[in-house]
PDB file of N, CA and C in Angstrom:
ATOM      1  N   MET A   1      66.515 108.049  95.484  1.00  0.00           N
ATOM      2  CA  MET A   1      66.928 108.124  96.865  1.00  0.00           C
ATOM      3  C   MET A   1      66.677 109.546  97.361  1.00  0.00           C
ATOM      4  N   HIS A   2      66.034 109.661  98.501  1.00  0.00           N
ATOM      5  CA  HIS A   2      65.715 110.975  99.054  1.00  0.00           C
ATOM      6  C   HIS A   2      66.832 111.448  99.979  1.00  0.00           C
ATOM      7  N   GLY A   3      67.045 112.737 100.029  1.00  0.00           N
ATOM      8  CA  GLY A   3      68.051 113.302 100.915  1.00  0.00           C
ATOM      9  C   GLY A   3      69.456 113.079 100.391  1.00  0.00           C
ATOM     10  N   HIS A   4      70.422 113.376 101.241  1.00  0.00           N
ATOM     11  CA  HIS A   4      71.812 113.186 100.865  1.00  0.00           C
ATOM     12  C   HIS A   4      72.631 112.889 102.111  1.00  0.00           C
ATOM     13  N   VAL A   5      73.788 112.364 101.907  1.00  0.00           N
ATOM     14  CA  VAL A   5      74.701 112.072 102.994  1.00  0.00           C
ATOM     15  C   VAL A   5      75.726 113.192 103.048  1.00  0.00           C
ATOM     16  N   ASP A   6      75.845 113.821 104.224  1.00  0.00           N
ATOM     17  CA  ASP A   6      76.786 114.921 104.363  1.00  0.00           C
ATOM     18  C   ASP A   6      78.231 114.459 104.491  1.00  0.00           C
ATOM     19  N   ARG A   7      78.435 113.312 105.127  1.00  0.00           N
ATOM     20  CA  ARG A   7      79.801 112.858 105.372  1.00  0.00           C
ATOM     21  C   ARG A   7      79.931 111.411 104.948  1.00  0.00           C
ATOM     22  N   LEU A   8      80.594 111.183 103.846  1.00  0.00           N
ATOM     23  CA  LEU A   8      80.943 109.831 103.448  1.00  0.00           C
ATOM     24  C   LEU A   8      82.352 109.584 103.950  1.00  0.00           C
ATOM     25  N   ALA A   9      82.570 108.423 104.537  1.00  0.00           N
ATOM     26  CA  ALA A   9      83.890 108.174 105.088  1.00  0.00           C
ATOM     27  C   ALA A   9      84.261 106.707 104.952  1.00  0.00           C
ATOM     28  N   MET A  10      85.560 106.473 104.867  1.00  0.00           N
ATOM     29  CA  MET A  10      86.084 105.114 104.867  1.00  0.00           C
ATOM     30  C   MET A  10      87.500 105.153 105.407  1.00  0.00           C
ATOM     31  N   PHE A  11      87.947 104.021 105.913  1.00  0.00           N
ATOM     32  CA  PHE A  11      89.317 103.959 106.400  1.00  0.00           C
ATOM     33  C   PHE A  11      90.252 103.632 105.250  1.00  0.00           C
ATOM     34  N   THR A  12      91.374 104.314 105.214  1.00  0.00           N
ATOM     35  CA  THR A  12      92.351 104.102 104.153  1.00  0.00           C
ATOM     36  C   THR A  12      93.357 103.027 104.534  1.00  0.00           C
ATOM     37  N   GLY A  13      93.446 102.727 105.819  1.00  0.00           N
ATOM     38  CA  GLY A  13      94.449 101.781 106.285  1.00  0.00           C
ATOM     39  C   GLY A  13      95.794 102.432 106.545  1.00  0.00           C
ATOM     40  N   LEU A  14      95.884 103.729 106.318  1.00  0.00           N
ATOM     41  CA  LEU A  14      97.130 104.451 106.545  1.00  0.00           C
ATOM     42  C   LEU A  14      97.243 104.854 108.016  1.00  0.00           C
ATOM     43  N   ILE A  15      98.418 104.665 108.581  1.00  0.00           N
ATOM     44  CA  ILE A  15      98.656 105.140 109.937  1.00  0.00           C
ATOM     45  C   ILE A  15      98.942 106.624 109.846  1.00  0.00           C
ATOM     46  N   GLU A  16      98.131 107.410 110.533  1.00  0.00           N
ATOM     47  CA  GLU A  16      98.301 108.859 110.492  1.00  0.00           C
ATOM     48  C   GLU A  16      99.171 109.378 111.612  1.00  0.00           C
ATOM     49  N   HIS A  17      99.198 108.659 112.705  1.00  0.00           N
ATOM     50  CA  HIS A  17      99.884 109.170 113.883  1.00  0.00           C
ATOM     51  C   HIS A  17     100.075 108.036 114.881  1.00  0.00           C
ATOM     52  N   LYS A  18     101.012 108.198 115.792  1.00  0.00           N
ATOM     53  CA  LYS A  18     101.153 107.264 116.910  1.00  0.00           C
ATOM     54  C   LYS A  18     100.975 108.055 118.193  1.00  0.00           C
ATOM     55  N   GLY A  19     100.008 107.632 118.977  1.00  0.00           N
ATOM     56  CA  GLY A  19      99.775 108.263 120.273  1.00  0.00           C
ATOM     57  C   GLY A  19     100.301 107.367 121.378  1.00  0.00           C
ATOM     58  N   ILE A  20     100.089 107.807 122.599  1.00  0.00           N
ATOM     59  CA  ILE A  20     100.504 107.057 123.779  1.00  0.00           C
ATOM     60  C   ILE A  20      99.252 106.631 124.540  1.00  0.00           C
ATOM     61  N   ILE A  21      99.173 105.349 124.862  1.00  0.00           N
ATOM     62  CA  ILE A  21      98.055 104.882 125.681  1.00  0.00           C
ATOM     63  C   ILE A  21      98.279 105.435 127.079  1.00  0.00           C
ATOM     64  N   SER A  22      97.412 106.365 127.491  1.00  0.00           N
ATOM     65  CA  SER A  22      97.609 107.049 128.764  1.00  0.00           C
ATOM     66  C   SER A  22      96.739 106.491 129.872  1.00  0.00           C
ATOM     67  N   SER A  23      95.704 105.740 129.498  1.00  0.00           N
ATOM     68  CA  SER A  23      94.822 105.180 130.518  1.00  0.00           C
ATOM     69  C   SER A  23      94.145 103.937 129.964  1.00  0.00           C
ATOM     70  N   LEU A  24      94.051 102.935 130.796  1.00  0.00           N
ATOM     71  CA  LEU A  24      93.399 101.688 130.432  1.00  0.00           C
ATOM     72  C   LEU A  24      92.655 101.199 131.670  1.00  0.00           C
ATOM     73  N   VAL A  25      91.316 101.198 131.590  1.00  0.00           N
ATOM     74  CA  VAL A  25      90.490 100.777 132.713  1.00  0.00           C
ATOM     75  C   VAL A  25      89.683  99.573 132.265  1.00  0.00           C
ATOM     76  N   ILE A  26      89.897  98.445 132.919  1.00  0.00           N
ATOM     77  CA  ILE A  26      89.246  97.192 132.546  1.00  0.00           C
ATOM     78  C   ILE A  26      88.199  96.838 133.594  1.00  0.00           C
ATOM     79  N   ASP A  27      87.020  96.422 133.118  1.00  0.00           N
ATOM     80  CA  ASP A  27      86.007  95.889 134.020  1.00  0.00           C
ATOM     81  C   ASP A  27      85.389  94.642 133.397  1.00  0.00           C
ATOM     82  N   ASN A  28      84.305  94.144 133.968  1.00  0.00           N
ATOM     83  CA  ASN A  28      83.706  92.890 133.499  1.00  0.00           C
ATOM     84  C   ASN A  28      83.129  92.968 132.088  1.00  0.00           C
ATOM     85  N   SER A  29      82.819  94.162 131.591  1.00  0.00           N
ATOM     86  CA  SER A  29      82.194  94.275 130.271  1.00  0.00           C
ATOM     87  C   SER A  29      83.139  94.727 129.164  1.00  0.00           C
ATOM     88  N   GLY A  30      84.393  95.016 129.499  1.00  0.00           N
ATOM     89  CA  GLY A  30      85.351  95.443 128.490  1.00  0.00           C
ATOM     90  C   GLY A  30      86.375  96.386 129.074  1.00  0.00           C
ATOM     91  N   CYS A  31      86.828  97.327 128.260  1.00  0.00           N
ATOM     92  CA  CYS A  31      87.787  98.303 128.785  1.00  0.00           C
ATOM     93  C   CYS A  31      87.624  99.668 128.116  1.00  0.00           C
ATOM     94  N   GLN A  32      88.004 100.666 128.873  1.00  0.00           N
ATOM     95  CA  GLN A  32      88.005 102.044 128.406  1.00  0.00           C
ATOM     96  C   GLN A  32      89.466 102.412 128.170  1.00  0.00           C
ATOM     97  N   LEU A  33      89.745 102.921 126.987  1.00  0.00           N
ATOM     98  CA  LEU A  33      91.111 103.220 126.582  1.00  0.00           C
ATOM     99  C   LEU A  33      91.220 104.700 126.245  1.00  0.00           C
ATOM    100  N   ALA A  34      92.225 105.357 126.802  1.00  0.00           N
ATOM    101  CA  ALA A  34      92.503 106.753 126.466  1.00  0.00           C
ATOM    102  C   ALA A  34      93.865 106.825 125.779  1.00  0.00           C
ATOM    103  N   VAL A  35      93.931 107.584 124.695  1.00  0.00           N
ATOM    104  CA  VAL A  35      95.162 107.758 123.931  1.00  0.00           C
ATOM    105  C   VAL A  35      95.530 109.241 123.946  1.00  0.00           C
ATOM    106  N   GLY A  36      96.736 109.524 124.390  1.00  0.00           N
ATOM    107  CA  GLY A  36      97.216 110.900 124.466  1.00  0.00           C
ATOM    108  C   GLY A  36      98.128 111.262 123.308  1.00  0.00           C
ATOM    109  N   PHE A  37      98.543 112.528 123.286  1.00  0.00           N
ATOM    110  CA  PHE A  37      99.381 113.078 122.219  1.00  0.00           C
ATOM    111  C   PHE A  37      98.705 112.877 120.862  1.00  0.00           C
ATOM    112  N   ALA A  38      97.410 113.144 120.830  1.00  0.00           N
ATOM    113  CA  ALA A  38      96.601 112.867 119.641  1.00  0.00           C
ATOM    114  C   ALA A  38      96.117 114.121 118.929  1.00  0.00           C
ATOM    115  N   SER A  39      96.590 115.291 119.317  1.00  0.00           N
ATOM    116  CA  SER A  39      96.069 116.534 118.724  1.00  0.00           C
ATOM    117  C   SER A  39      96.160 116.595 117.199  1.00  0.00           C
ATOM    118  N   PRO A  40      97.156 115.977 116.547  1.00  0.00           N
ATOM    119  CA  PRO A  40      97.213 116.082 115.084  1.00  0.00           C
ATOM    120  C   PRO A  40      95.991 115.526 114.351  1.00  0.00           C
ATOM    121  N   ILE A  41      95.232 114.640 114.982  1.00  0.00           N
ATOM    122  CA  ILE A  41      94.082 114.062 114.275  1.00  0.00           C
ATOM    123  C   ILE A  41      92.741 114.504 114.866  1.00  0.00           C
ATOM    124  N   LEU A  42      92.757 115.402 115.838  1.00  0.00           N
ATOM    125  CA  LEU A  42      91.512 115.752 116.529  1.00  0.00           C
ATOM    126  C   LEU A  42      90.856 117.041 116.043  1.00  0.00           C
ATOM    127  N   ASP A  43      91.446 117.734 115.060  1.00  0.00           N
ATOM    128  CA  ASP A  43      90.860 118.989 114.576  1.00  0.00           C
ATOM    129  C   ASP A  43      89.411 118.834 114.135  1.00  0.00           C
ATOM    130  N   ASP A  44      89.094 117.729 113.494  1.00  0.00           N
ATOM    131  CA  ASP A  44      87.744 117.512 112.967  1.00  0.00           C
ATOM    132  C   ASP A  44      87.039 116.364 113.694  1.00  0.00           C
ATOM    133  N   CYS A  45      87.444 116.091 114.930  1.00  0.00           N
ATOM    134  CA  CYS A  45      86.890 114.965 115.678  1.00  0.00           C
ATOM    135  C   CYS A  45      85.560 115.331 116.331  1.00  0.00           C
ATOM    136  N   HIS A  46      84.663 114.356 116.376  1.00  0.00           N
ATOM    137  CA  HIS A  46      83.365 114.499 117.042  1.00  0.00           C
ATOM    138  C   HIS A  46      83.089 113.222 117.824  1.00  0.00           C
ATOM    139  N   ILE A  47      82.328 113.333 118.904  1.00  0.00           N
ATOM    140  CA  ILE A  47      81.878 112.144 119.624  1.00  0.00           C
ATOM    141  C   ILE A  47      81.125 111.268 118.627  1.00  0.00           C
ATOM    142  N   GLY A  48      81.427 109.987 118.624  1.00  0.00           N
ATOM    143  CA  GLY A  48      80.787 109.065 117.687  1.00  0.00           C
ATOM    144  C   GLY A  48      81.598 108.802 116.437  1.00  0.00           C
ATOM    145  N   ASP A  49      82.641 109.601 116.186  1.00  0.00           N
ATOM    146  CA  ASP A  49      83.527 109.336 115.041  1.00  0.00           C
ATOM    147  C   ASP A  49      84.301 108.046 115.281  1.00  0.00           C
ATOM    148  N   SER A  50      84.808 107.485 114.213  1.00  0.00           N
ATOM    149  CA  SER A  50      85.591 106.257 114.302  1.00  0.00           C
ATOM    150  C   SER A  50      87.071 106.554 114.130  1.00  0.00           C
ATOM    151  N   ILE A  51      87.860 105.895 114.963  1.00  0.00           N
ATOM    152  CA  ILE A  51      89.314 105.934 114.845  1.00  0.00           C
ATOM    153  C   ILE A  51      89.772 104.487 114.890  1.00  0.00           C
ATOM    154  N   ALA A  52      90.613 104.110 113.954  1.00  0.00           N
ATOM    155  CA  ALA A  52      91.133 102.744 113.928  1.00  0.00           C
ATOM    156  C   ALA A  52      92.440 102.701 114.704  1.00  0.00           C
ATOM    157  N   ILE A  53      92.502 101.812 115.681  1.00  0.00           N
ATOM    158  CA  ILE A  53      93.727 101.598 116.448  1.00  0.00           C
ATOM    159  C   ILE A  53      94.238 100.217 116.090  1.00  0.00           C
ATOM    160  N   ASP A  54      95.436 100.179 115.551  1.00  0.00           N
ATOM    161  CA  ASP A  54      96.046  98.918 115.129  1.00  0.00           C
ATOM    162  C   ASP A  54      95.102  98.132 114.221  1.00  0.00           C
ATOM    163  N   GLY A  55      94.392  98.851 113.359  1.00  0.00           N
ATOM    164  CA  GLY A  55      93.494  98.232 112.388  1.00  0.00           C
ATOM    165  C   GLY A  55      92.104  97.923 112.891  1.00  0.00           C
ATOM    166  N   VAL A  56      91.815  98.214 114.161  1.00  0.00           N
ATOM    167  CA  VAL A  56      90.498  97.927 114.743  1.00  0.00           C
ATOM    168  C   VAL A  56      89.709  99.234 114.844  1.00  0.00           C
ATOM    169  N   CYS A  57      88.557  99.282 114.180  1.00  0.00           N
ATOM    170  CA  CYS A  57      87.714 100.480 114.162  1.00  0.00           C
ATOM    171  C   CYS A  57      87.006 100.636 115.505  1.00  0.00           C
ATOM    172  N   LEU A  58      87.216 101.781 116.162  1.00  0.00           N
ATOM    173  CA  LEU A  58      86.631 102.048 117.474  1.00  0.00           C
ATOM    174  C   LEU A  58      85.926 103.395 117.452  1.00  0.00           C
ATOM    175  N   THR A  59      84.930 103.560 118.306  1.00  0.00           N
ATOM    176  CA  THR A  59      84.123 104.777 118.352  1.00  0.00           C
ATOM    177  C   THR A  59      84.617 105.706 119.452  1.00  0.00           C
ATOM    178  N   VAL A  60      84.812 106.981 119.108  1.00  0.00           N
ATOM    179  CA  VAL A  60      85.254 107.987 120.070  1.00  0.00           C
ATOM    180  C   VAL A  60      84.110 108.271 121.044  1.00  0.00           C
ATOM    181  N   THR A  61      84.389 108.119 122.346  1.00  0.00           N
ATOM    182  CA  THR A  61      83.379 108.397 123.373  1.00  0.00           C
ATOM    183  C   THR A  61      83.626 109.732 124.066  1.00  0.00           C
ATOM    184  N   HIS A  62      84.872 110.164 124.138  1.00  0.00           N
ATOM    185  CA  HIS A  62      85.257 111.461 124.710  1.00  0.00           C
ATOM    186  C   HIS A  62      86.538 111.906 124.008  1.00  0.00           C
ATOM    187  N   PHE A  63      86.765 113.228 123.991  1.00  0.00           N
ATOM    188  CA  PHE A  63      88.044 113.731 123.480  1.00  0.00           C
ATOM    189  C   PHE A  63      88.245 115.157 123.946  1.00  0.00           C
ATOM    190  N   ASN A  64      89.491 115.604 123.922  1.00  0.00           N
ATOM    191  CA  ASN A  64      89.830 116.984 124.234  1.00  0.00           C
ATOM    192  C   ASN A  64      91.039 117.346 123.386  1.00  0.00           C
ATOM    193  N   LEU A  65      90.847 118.262 122.477  1.00  0.00           N
ATOM    194  CA  LEU A  65      91.903 118.665 121.554  1.00  0.00           C
ATOM    195  C   LEU A  65      93.029 119.422 122.254  1.00  0.00           C
ATOM    196  N   PHE A  66      92.704 120.144 123.322  1.00  0.00           N
ATOM    197  CA  PHE A  66      93.666 121.075 123.898  1.00  0.00           C
ATOM    198  C   PHE A  66      94.364 120.575 125.157  1.00  0.00           C
ATOM    199  N   LYS A  67      93.737 119.737 125.929  1.00  0.00           N
ATOM    200  CA  LYS A  67      94.326 119.286 127.179  1.00  0.00           C
ATOM    201  C   LYS A  67      95.355 118.185 126.917  1.00  0.00           C
ATOM    202  N   GLU A  68      96.515 118.305 127.530  1.00  0.00           N
ATOM    203  CA  GLU A  68      97.568 117.294 127.453  1.00  0.00           C
ATOM    204  C   GLU A  68      97.934 116.921 126.018  1.00  0.00           C
ATOM    205  N   ASP A  69      98.053 117.901 125.153  1.00  0.00           N
ATOM    206  CA  ASP A  69      98.402 117.713 123.740  1.00  0.00           C
ATOM    207  C   ASP A  69      97.384 116.857 122.993  1.00  0.00           C
ATOM    208  N   GLY A  70      96.154 116.928 123.443  1.00  0.00           N
ATOM    209  CA  GLY A  70      95.052 116.226 122.797  1.00  0.00           C
ATOM    210  C   GLY A  70      94.949 114.770 123.217  1.00  0.00           C
ATOM    211  N   TRP A  71      93.740 114.322 123.514  1.00  0.00           N
ATOM    212  CA  TRP A  71      93.526 112.920 123.857  1.00  0.00           C
ATOM    213  C   TRP A  71      92.135 112.513 123.388  1.00  0.00           C
ATOM    214  N   PHE A  72      91.959 111.220 123.175  1.00  0.00           N
ATOM    215  CA  PHE A  72      90.631 110.699 122.886  1.00  0.00           C
ATOM    216  C   PHE A  72      90.446 109.407 123.651  1.00  0.00           C
ATOM    217  N   GLN A  73      89.179 109.059 123.844  1.00  0.00           N
ATOM    218  CA  GLN A  73      88.836 107.871 124.603  1.00  0.00           C
ATOM    219  C   GLN A  73      87.889 107.003 123.781  1.00  0.00           C
ATOM    220  N   VAL A  74      88.080 105.705 123.858  1.00  0.00           N
ATOM    221  CA  VAL A  74      87.228 104.734 123.157  1.00  0.00           C
ATOM    222  C   VAL A  74      86.867 103.620 124.132  1.00  0.00           C
ATOM    223  N   TRP A  75      85.796 102.893 123.812  1.00  0.00           N
ATOM    224  CA  TRP A  75      85.360 101.759 124.609  1.00  0.00           C
ATOM    225  C   TRP A  75      85.556 100.488 123.788  1.00  0.00           C
ATOM    226  N   LEU A  76      86.100  99.456 124.396  1.00  0.00           N
ATOM    227  CA  LEU A  76      86.271  98.163 123.748  1.00  0.00           C
ATOM    228  C   LEU A  76      85.453  97.135 124.516  1.00  0.00           C
ATOM    229  N   SER A  77      84.472  96.562 123.867  1.00  0.00           N
ATOM    230  CA  SER A  77      83.664  95.535 124.517  1.00  0.00           C
ATOM    231  C   SER A  77      84.480  94.251 124.631  1.00  0.00           C
ATOM    232  N   ASN A  78      84.008  93.331 125.452  1.00  0.00           N
ATOM    233  CA  ASN A  78      84.696  92.035 125.562  1.00  0.00           C
ATOM    234  C   ASN A  78      84.763  91.330 124.212  1.00  0.00           C
ATOM    235  N   GLU A  79      83.712  91.460 123.411  1.00  0.00           N
ATOM    236  CA  GLU A  79      83.724  90.810 122.094  1.00  0.00           C
ATOM    237  C   GLU A  79      84.814  91.410 121.206  1.00  0.00           C
ATOM    238  N   THR A  80      84.962  92.728 121.241  1.00  0.00           N
ATOM    239  CA  THR A  80      86.043  93.372 120.480  1.00  0.00           C
ATOM    240  C   THR A  80      87.397  92.849 120.946  1.00  0.00           C
ATOM    241  N   LEU A  81      87.561  92.720 122.246  1.00  0.00           N
ATOM    242  CA  LEU A  81      88.828  92.224 122.783  1.00  0.00           C
ATOM    243  C   LEU A  81      89.070  90.763 122.390  1.00  0.00           C
ATOM    244  N   GLN A  82      88.005  89.966 122.338  1.00  0.00           N
ATOM    245  CA  GLN A  82      88.145  88.555 121.996  1.00  0.00           C
ATOM    246  C   GLN A  82      88.400  88.331 120.504  1.00  0.00           C
ATOM    247  N   ARG A  83      87.868  89.194 119.653  1.00  0.00           N
ATOM    248  CA  ARG A  83      87.911  88.950 118.210  1.00  0.00           C
ATOM    249  C   ARG A  83      88.969  89.763 117.456  1.00  0.00           C
ATOM    250  N   THR A  84      89.719  90.595 118.154  1.00  0.00           N
ATOM    251  CA  THR A  84      90.712  91.432 117.473  1.00  0.00           C
ATOM    252  C   THR A  84      92.082  91.294 118.124  1.00  0.00           C
ATOM    253  N   SER A  85      93.057  91.864 117.460  1.00  0.00           N
ATOM    254  CA  SER A  85      94.425  91.843 117.987  1.00  0.00           C
ATOM    255  C   SER A  85      94.566  92.661 119.267  1.00  0.00           C
ATOM    256  N   LEU A  86      93.627  93.546 119.554  1.00  0.00           N
ATOM    257  CA  LEU A  86      93.732  94.386 120.747  1.00  0.00           C
ATOM    258  C   LEU A  86      93.520  93.599 122.029  1.00  0.00           C
ATOM    259  N   GLY A  87      92.940  92.410 121.937  1.00  0.00           N
ATOM    260  CA  GLY A  87      92.731  91.601 123.120  1.00  0.00           C
ATOM    261  C   GLY A  87      93.900  90.691 123.463  1.00  0.00           C
ATOM    262  N   ALA A  88      94.925  90.691 122.630  1.00  0.00           N
ATOM    263  CA  ALA A  88      96.100  89.852 122.898  1.00  0.00           C
ATOM    264  C   ALA A  88      96.805  90.337 124.163  1.00  0.00           C
ATOM    265  N   PRO A  89      97.404  89.405 124.923  1.00  0.00           N
ATOM    266  CA  PRO A  89      98.120  89.831 126.134  1.00  0.00           C
ATOM    267  C   PRO A  89      99.127  90.926 125.825  1.00  0.00           C
ATOM    268  N   LEU A  90      99.077  91.960 126.612  1.00  0.00           N
ATOM    269  CA  LEU A  90      99.979  93.117 126.515  1.00  0.00           C
ATOM    270  C   LEU A  90      99.803  93.943 125.244  1.00  0.00           C
ATOM    271  N   ALA A  91      98.778  93.671 124.452  1.00  0.00           N
ATOM    272  CA  ALA A  91      98.541  94.504 123.262  1.00  0.00           C
ATOM    273  C   ALA A  91      98.210  95.922 123.685  1.00  0.00           C
ATOM    274  N   LEU A  92      97.470  96.046 124.755  1.00  0.00           N
ATOM    275  CA  LEU A  92      97.120  97.356 125.285  1.00  0.00           C
ATOM    276  C   LEU A  92      97.705  97.472 126.683  1.00  0.00           C
ATOM    277  N   SER A  93      98.732  98.248 126.809  1.00  0.00           N
ATOM    278  CA  SER A  93      99.291  98.493 128.127  1.00  0.00           C
ATOM    279  C   SER A  93      99.570  99.986 128.250  1.00  0.00           C
ATOM    280  N   SER A  94      99.420 100.493 129.440  1.00  0.00           N
ATOM    281  CA  SER A  94      99.612 101.921 129.654  1.00  0.00           C
ATOM    282  C   SER A  94     100.986 102.367 129.177  1.00  0.00           C
ATOM    283  N   TYR A  95     100.999 103.487 128.511  1.00  0.00           N
ATOM    284  CA  TYR A  95     102.190 104.159 128.020  1.00  0.00           C
ATOM    285  C   TYR A  95     102.890 103.441 126.872  1.00  0.00           C
ATOM    286  N   SER A  96     102.223 102.499 126.245  1.00  0.00           N
ATOM    287  CA  SER A  96     102.760 101.955 125.001  1.00  0.00           C
ATOM    288  C   SER A  96     102.234 102.813 123.858  1.00  0.00           C
ATOM    289  N   THR A  97     102.809 102.676 122.669  1.00  0.00           N
ATOM    290  CA  THR A  97     102.352 103.478 121.540  1.00  0.00           C
ATOM    291  C   THR A  97     101.147 102.815 120.890  1.00  0.00           C
ATOM    292  N   ALA A  98     100.307 103.632 120.290  1.00  0.00           N
ATOM    293  CA  ALA A  98      99.110 103.135 119.616  1.00  0.00           C
ATOM    294  C   ALA A  98      99.059 103.742 118.218  1.00  0.00           C
ATOM    295  N   PRO A  99      99.355 102.961 117.169  1.00  0.00           N
ATOM    296  CA  PRO A  99      99.239 103.495 115.806  1.00  0.00           C
ATOM    297  C   PRO A  99      97.772 103.586 115.423  1.00  0.00           C
ATOM    298  N   TYR A 100      97.357 104.723 114.874  1.00  0.00           N
ATOM    299  CA  TYR A 100      95.948 104.863 114.532  1.00  0.00           C
ATOM    300  C   TYR A 100      95.759 105.752 113.318  1.00  0.00           C
ATOM    301  N   GLY A 101      94.565 105.649 112.763  1.00  0.00           N
ATOM    302  CA  GLY A 101      94.180 106.473 111.625  1.00  0.00           C
ATOM    303  C   GLY A 101      92.713 106.830 111.739  1.00  0.00           C
ATOM    304  N   THR A 102      92.326 107.897 111.088  1.00  0.00           N
ATOM    305  CA  THR A 102      90.933 108.331 111.082  1.00  0.00           C
ATOM    306  C   THR A 102      90.322 108.004 109.731  1.00  0.00           C
ATOM    307  N   GLN A 103      89.045 108.292 109.602  1.00  0.00           N
ATOM    308  CA  GLN A 103      88.359 108.074 108.347  1.00  0.00           C
ATOM    309  C   GLN A 103      88.728 109.156 107.349  1.00  0.00           C
ATOM    310  N   ALA A 104      88.806 108.783 106.094  1.00  0.00           N
ATOM    311  CA  ALA A 104      88.990 109.777 105.029  1.00  0.00           C
ATOM    312  C   ALA A 104      87.604 110.255 104.617  1.00  0.00           C
ATOM    313  N   ARG A 105      87.368 111.523 104.648  1.00  0.00           N
ATOM    314  CA  ARG A 105      86.085 112.100 104.265  1.00  0.00           C
ATOM    315  C   ARG A 105      86.012 112.234 102.742  1.00  0.00           C
ATOM    316  N   ALA A 106      84.843 112.098 102.198  1.00  0.00           N
ATOM    317  CA  ALA A 106      84.658 112.257 100.748  1.00  0.00           C
ATOM    318  C   ALA A 106      85.141 113.643 100.356  1.00  0.00           C
ATOM    319  N   GLY A 107      85.945 113.695  99.350  1.00  0.00           N
ATOM    320  CA  GLY A 107      86.443 114.981  98.848  1.00  0.00           C
ATOM    321  C   GLY A 107      87.680 115.482  99.560  1.00  0.00           C
ATOM    322  N   SER A 108      88.150 114.756 100.585  1.00  0.00           N
ATOM    323  CA  SER A 108      89.346 115.213 101.267  1.00  0.00           C
ATOM    324  C   SER A 108      90.563 114.518 100.659  1.00  0.00           C
ATOM    325  N   ALA A 109      91.678 115.187 100.743  1.00  0.00           N
ATOM    326  CA  ALA A 109      92.918 114.624 100.198  1.00  0.00           C
ATOM    327  C   ALA A 109      93.702 113.987 101.313  1.00  0.00           C
ATOM    328  N   GLN A 110      94.225 112.812 101.103  1.00  0.00           N
ATOM    329  CA  GLN A 110      95.098 112.147 102.054  1.00  0.00           C
ATOM    330  C   GLN A 110      96.537 112.419 101.639  1.00  0.00           C
ATOM    331  N   THR A 111      97.392 112.736 102.610  1.00  0.00           N
ATOM    332  CA  THR A 111      98.793 112.972 102.303  1.00  0.00           C
ATOM    333  C   THR A 111      99.633 111.827 102.775  1.00  0.00           C
TER     334      THR A 111
END
């Protein structure tokens, strides 16, 4: 095998933090979700990283570590909403809590 992988990652299933759903915008193709009070998990965050919310792996589209105690944004397609628990009525409502976890990087210790 040529080359190497710099970042190996997998989800541990551990809830690392609970944030607050601060914004939920729904349109015909899905919804955009913003989670606030997320600074504890954003130190090593990058656009394109995965964060699992309630067990559903989602891709970070925007984030800010410093504004409003840290926030991140993810996109949920209609298929994601139809096939996961996040599409259940009232599963995602503004200002409810969102349990989430990040990927464990190879060589990192989970506490």
